[in-house]
Amino acid sequence: MSNELKTVDFGASDEYGAHIFRVEIPAVRTGQVIIIEDYGYRGLEGGIPKDEERVILKREVWSAIADAARREFNDRLKAAKILTGRWHTGNNKVDRLLGKELCVLAWAAETALPEQFPIICSKWGALRPEERWWLFSMTVAEAGLPEDAQRGWRRALFFALSDGEKAQIRKRRPRPAERTQIQLPLGEETG
């Protein structure tokens, strides 16, 4: 029996009951894209819902940010020797940590103007994964549902990532710890 992690789409565990994110992309080009946090086995226990919608995006917003997310995620998946993914109509499964990062990008872009999308994508790309996870945690604590678009940290993400010019992205090598963090829940140590 192999210990190799089997994944689908963007690093999501192929095992039933895993905590992942789903990106629902409708076949209709005018349909909205929905990013959902799916708690897997933890869902429906101790007051935790089975899943929660995190953001609903207009198709033009999704189209403006999807490629930046795909490139970033695939670079990290390759570095971790995990199969890469592509966005397709229907349900796209995303690793739990990558899904948190995707929400930060989506929240920053959801109310942006078209000329702000490249700036948002650039500044999001310049953030370290740990910074994105922290921003997700802060935002979801008070404004993590679709109807919270103009509140608290969610609004702050828009201002922080849309202001100014494109960030100068420096190529950095992943630290050895980053290669395994994709698969591990926060707080667990690699051993």
Protein backbone atom coordinates (compact mmCIF):
# COMPACT_ATOMS: atom_id res chain seq x y z
CA MET A 1 0.00 0.00 0.00
CA SER A 2 1.37 3.41 -1.00
CA ASN A 3 1.56 6.37 1.35
CA GLU A 4 1.43 8.74 -1.63
CA LEU A 5 -1.25 11.40 -1.33
CA LYS A 6 -3.88 11.13 -4.05
CA THR A 7 -5.19 14.52 -5.08
CA VAL A 8 -7.66 16.01 -7.52
CA ASP A 9 -7.91 19.43 -9.17
CA PHE A 10 -5.80 21.84 -7.06
CA GLY A 11 -4.16 19.62 -4.44
CA ALA A 12 -7.41 18.54 -2.76
CA SER A 13 -7.30 15.16 -1.08
CA ASP A 14 -9.17 12.52 -3.04
CA GLU A 15 -10.28 10.92 0.23
CA TYR A 16 -13.93 11.21 1.16
CA GLY A 17 -14.53 13.56 4.07
CA ALA A 18 -11.49 15.81 3.64
CA HIS A 19 -11.76 19.50 4.58
CA ILE A 20 -11.48 21.27 1.21
CA PHE A 21 -12.81 24.21 -0.76
CA ARG A 22 -15.01 23.88 -3.85
CA VAL A 23 -15.15 26.40 -6.65
CA GLU A 24 -18.41 26.00 -8.57
CA ILE A 25 -18.06 27.36 -12.09
CA PRO A 26 -21.30 27.24 -14.08
CA ALA A 27 -21.32 26.30 -17.77
CA VAL A 28 -23.30 29.47 -18.53
CA ARG A 29 -20.77 32.28 -19.14
CA THR A 30 -22.95 34.80 -17.33
CA GLY A 31 -23.38 32.60 -14.25
CA GLN A 32 -21.78 33.49 -10.93
CA VAL A 33 -18.83 31.57 -9.51
CA ILE A 34 -19.23 30.37 -5.92
CA ILE A 35 -16.37 29.51 -3.57
CA ILE A 36 -17.49 27.14 -0.80
CA GLU A 37 -15.63 25.85 2.24
CA ASP A 38 -16.54 22.16 2.67
CA TYR A 39 -15.73 20.93 6.19
CA GLY A 40 -15.84 17.25 5.25
CA TYR A 41 -16.20 14.89 8.20
CA ARG A 42 -16.01 17.80 10.66
CA GLY A 43 -19.17 19.25 9.14
CA LEU A 44 -22.44 18.81 11.04
CA GLU A 45 -20.59 18.13 14.29
CA GLY A 46 -20.35 20.49 17.25
CA GLY A 47 -22.27 23.27 15.54
CA ILE A 48 -20.09 23.30 12.43
CA PRO A 49 -22.13 23.43 9.19
CA LYS A 50 -21.48 20.87 6.44
CA ASP A 51 -20.24 23.67 4.22
CA GLU A 52 -20.33 27.47 3.95
CA GLU A 53 -20.37 29.71 0.94
CA ARG A 54 -17.51 32.17 1.32
CA VAL A 55 -17.92 34.39 -1.74
CA ILE A 56 -20.05 34.69 -4.87
CA LEU A 57 -18.28 36.38 -7.78
CA LYS A 58 -19.53 37.86 -11.00
CA ARG A 59 -18.09 35.92 -13.91
CA GLU A 60 -15.97 38.86 -15.11
CA VAL A 61 -14.34 39.12 -11.68
CA TRP A 62 -13.60 35.38 -11.66
CA SER A 63 -12.18 35.57 -15.18
CA ALA A 64 -9.86 38.39 -14.08
CA ILE A 65 -8.37 36.51 -11.09
CA ALA A 66 -8.57 32.82 -12.06
CA ASP A 67 -5.34 32.68 -14.03
CA ALA A 68 -3.29 34.35 -11.28
CA ALA A 69 -4.59 31.81 -8.75
CA ARG A 70 -4.01 28.88 -11.13
CA ARG A 71 -0.40 29.89 -11.80
CA GLU A 72 0.41 30.46 -8.12
CA PHE A 73 -1.19 27.22 -6.97
CA ASN A 74 0.35 25.12 -9.74
CA ASP A 75 3.83 26.49 -9.02
CA ARG A 76 3.48 25.43 -5.40
CA LEU A 77 1.92 22.07 -6.25
CA LYS A 78 4.80 21.33 -8.65
CA ALA A 79 7.32 22.24 -5.95
CA ALA A 80 5.56 19.78 -3.62
CA LYS A 81 5.52 17.13 -6.38
CA ILE A 82 1.71 17.10 -6.45
CA LEU A 83 -0.32 16.97 -9.65
CA THR A 84 -1.32 20.41 -10.94
CA GLY A 85 -4.84 21.51 -11.86
CA ARG A 86 -6.87 23.68 -14.19
CA TRP A 87 -10.19 25.44 -13.73
CA HIS A 88 -13.14 23.75 -15.46
CA THR A 89 -16.91 24.10 -15.44
CA GLY A 90 -18.58 22.29 -12.57
CA ASN A 91 -17.01 21.60 -9.18
CA ASN A 92 -13.31 22.32 -8.77
CA LYS A 93 -11.80 20.96 -5.57
CA VAL A 94 -9.08 23.00 -3.89
CA ASP A 95 -6.79 22.08 -1.00
CA ARG A 96 -7.93 23.62 2.30
CA LEU A 97 -5.00 26.02 2.63
CA LEU A 98 -5.02 27.01 -1.03
CA GLY A 99 -8.77 27.61 -0.72
CA LYS A 100 -8.16 30.07 2.10
CA GLU A 101 -5.69 31.91 -0.11
CA LEU A 102 -8.17 31.94 -3.00
CA CYS A 103 -10.80 33.51 -0.74
CA VAL A 104 -8.41 36.35 0.15
CA LEU A 105 -7.91 37.06 -3.56
CA ALA A 106 -11.62 36.81 -4.32
CA TRP A 107 -12.60 39.05 -1.41
CA ALA A 108 -10.13 41.72 -2.49
CA ALA A 109 -11.40 41.62 -6.09
CA GLU A 110 -15.15 41.17 -5.63
CA THR A 111 -15.99 44.91 -5.72
CA ALA A 112 -13.00 46.09 -7.77
CA LEU A 113 -13.03 47.91 -11.06
CA PRO A 114 -11.49 46.14 -14.10
CA GLU A 115 -8.38 48.35 -14.02
CA GLN A 116 -7.75 47.27 -10.39
CA PHE A 117 -7.68 43.51 -11.08
CA PRO A 118 -4.02 43.36 -12.23
CA ILE A 119 -2.92 45.34 -9.16
CA ILE A 120 -4.91 43.08 -6.81
CA CYS A 121 -3.52 39.91 -8.43
CA SER A 122 0.02 41.27 -8.30
CA LYS A 123 -0.15 42.31 -4.65
CA TRP A 124 -1.86 39.03 -3.67
CA GLY A 125 0.92 37.16 -5.47
CA ALA A 126 3.54 39.06 -3.48
CA LEU A 127 2.08 37.85 -0.15
CA ARG A 128 3.53 34.73 1.48
CA PRO A 129 1.10 31.83 1.99
CA GLU A 130 1.22 32.30 5.78
CA GLU A 131 0.19 35.94 5.37
CA ARG A 132 -2.78 34.90 3.23
CA TRP A 133 -3.84 32.28 5.80
CA TRP A 134 -3.73 34.90 8.55
CA LEU A 135 -5.75 37.33 6.44
CA PHE A 136 -8.33 34.60 5.79
CA SER A 137 -8.64 33.87 9.52
CA MET A 138 -9.05 37.52 10.42
CA THR A 139 -11.58 38.12 7.67
CA VAL A 140 -13.71 35.01 8.15
CA ALA A 141 -14.07 35.72 11.87
CA GLU A 142 -16.29 38.72 11.15
CA ALA A 143 -17.07 38.89 7.44
CA GLY A 144 -16.68 35.47 5.83
CA LEU A 145 -20.06 35.02 4.14
CA PRO A 146 -21.18 36.26 0.69
CA GLU A 147 -23.38 39.01 2.11
CA ASP A 148 -20.43 40.52 4.04
CA ALA A 149 -18.74 42.09 0.99
CA GLN A 150 -18.50 45.64 2.35
CA ARG A 151 -17.61 44.86 5.99
CA GLY A 152 -14.53 44.90 8.21
CA TRP A 153 -11.44 43.01 7.10
CA ARG A 154 -13.17 42.11 3.86
CA ARG A 155 -13.34 45.76 2.86
CA ALA A 156 -9.81 46.29 4.18
CA LEU A 157 -8.51 43.58 1.83
CA PHE A 158 -9.91 45.51 -1.12
CA PHE A 159 -8.20 48.73 -0.02
CA ALA A 160 -4.90 47.05 0.87
CA LEU A 161 -4.56 45.08 -2.36
CA SER A 162 -6.11 47.47 -4.88
CA ASP A 163 -4.27 50.64 -3.92
CA GLY A 164 -1.26 51.75 -5.91
CA GLU A 165 0.65 49.99 -8.64
CA LYS A 166 1.52 46.40 -9.36
CA ALA A 167 3.88 44.93 -6.79
CA GLN A 168 7.39 44.01 -7.83
CA ILE A 169 7.26 40.25 -7.54
CA ARG A 170 10.56 38.73 -6.65
CA LYS A 171 11.13 35.09 -7.45
CA ARG A 172 11.71 33.22 -4.24
CA ARG A 173 12.60 29.64 -3.60
CA PRO A 174 10.14 27.69 -1.47
CA ARG A 175 11.50 26.88 1.94
CA PRO A 176 11.57 23.13 2.67
CA ALA A 177 8.71 23.57 5.17
CA GLU A 178 6.48 25.07 2.46
CA ARG A 179 6.68 21.90 0.42
CA THR A 180 4.82 19.87 3.03
CA GLN A 181 2.52 22.55 4.44
CA ILE A 182 0.07 22.17 1.57
CA GLN A 183 -1.00 18.82 3.00
CA LEU A 184 -0.98 19.61 6.69
CA PRO A 185 -3.57 21.37 8.83
CA LEU A 186 -2.22 24.48 10.52
CA GLY A 187 -0.61 23.78 13.84
CA GLU A 188 0.69 20.31 13.01
CA GLU A 189 4.39 19.81 13.00
CA THR A 190 6.21 17.91 10.32
CA GLY A 191 8.31 15.31 11.72
